[in-house]
Protein backbone atom coordinates (compact mmCIF):
# COMPACT_ATOMS: atom_id res chain seq x y z
CA MET A 1 0.55 -0.11 -0.07
CA GLY A 2 1.59 2.68 -1.32
CA VAL A 3 1.52 6.66 0.15
CA THR A 4 1.64 10.21 -1.19
CA ALA A 5 4.62 11.88 -1.49
CA ALA A 6 3.16 13.78 1.47
CA ALA A 7 2.45 11.58 3.70
CA GLU A 8 6.52 9.82 3.37
CA LEU A 9 6.59 13.52 5.36
CA VAL A 10 4.74 12.20 8.40
CA LEU A 11 6.10 9.00 8.08
CA GLY A 12 9.49 10.41 8.51
CA ASP A 13 8.37 11.83 11.55
CA SER A 14 9.85 10.79 14.54
CA ALA A 15 7.64 12.83 16.95
CA ARG A 16 5.50 11.12 19.56
CA GLN A 17 1.79 12.69 18.19
CA ILE A 18 1.27 14.05 14.96
CA VAL A 19 -2.03 15.43 14.12
CA VAL A 20 -2.76 15.83 10.17
CA VAL A 21 -5.18 18.32 8.97
CA ALA A 22 -5.89 16.67 5.13
CA HIS A 23 -8.78 16.03 2.40
CA ARG A 24 -10.32 13.23 1.63
CA ARG A 25 -8.63 10.49 -0.84
CA PHE A 26 -5.43 11.55 1.09
CA GLY A 27 -4.62 8.09 2.52
CA LYS A 28 -4.98 9.35 6.03
CA THR A 29 -5.83 5.43 7.05
CA THR A 30 -3.04 4.11 4.91
CA LEU A 31 -0.90 6.44 6.65
CA ALA A 32 -1.76 5.57 10.12
CA MET A 33 -1.85 1.74 9.77
CA GLN A 34 1.99 2.20 8.25
CA LYS A 35 2.93 4.01 10.93
CA ILE A 36 1.54 1.69 13.58
CA LEU A 37 3.53 -1.11 12.30
CA LYS A 38 6.12 1.22 11.99
CA SER A 39 5.86 2.00 15.66
CA LEU A 40 5.20 -1.45 16.92
CA GLY A 41 8.30 -3.00 19.14
CA ALA A 42 9.90 0.26 19.59
CA VAL A 43 8.92 0.48 23.27
CA LYS A 44 8.73 -2.63 25.38
CA GLY A 45 4.75 -2.66 25.93
CA GLY A 46 3.63 0.43 23.81
CA ARG A 47 -0.07 1.32 23.27
CA TYR A 48 -0.93 1.90 19.91
CA PHE A 49 -4.19 3.92 19.24
CA TYR A 50 -6.34 4.46 15.74
CA VAL A 51 -8.83 6.35 16.70
CA ALA A 52 -12.25 6.70 14.37
CA PRO A 53 -15.74 8.62 15.53
CA THR A 54 -17.01 5.48 16.18
CA TYR A 55 -15.92 1.91 17.30
CA ARG A 56 -17.48 0.32 14.50
CA GLN A 57 -16.38 2.85 12.22
CA ALA A 58 -12.97 2.04 12.81
CA LYS A 59 -13.49 -1.70 12.64
CA MET A 60 -15.17 -1.09 9.11
CA ILE A 61 -12.35 1.57 8.12
CA ALA A 62 -9.10 0.43 9.80
CA TRP A 63 -9.34 -3.23 10.86
CA GLU A 64 -9.83 -5.26 7.72
CA MET A 65 -6.85 -3.21 6.41
CA PHE A 66 -4.47 -3.89 9.14
CA ILE A 67 -5.28 -8.25 8.61
CA LYS A 68 -4.53 -7.61 5.28
CA ILE A 69 -1.37 -5.74 5.76
CA LEU A 70 -0.28 -7.89 8.37
CA ASN A 71 -1.67 -11.49 6.54
CA GLN A 72 0.57 -9.90 3.15
CA ALA A 73 3.59 -10.06 5.92
């Protein structure tokens, strides 16, 4: 799953917390999944979150993508 050139800047940022204000189809979900996967294991016992307006939306939007990415690895 690729990301845009602008999203590459966010992926390369080492800040602990990042806020991204972006338009539709920017690739925010893909960017978030890649950032979480890139950070896994960086901190022993670390916790990672994907936030959406509701639990159902988070599951519909990100969970399927997360499983798909993990199955490709």
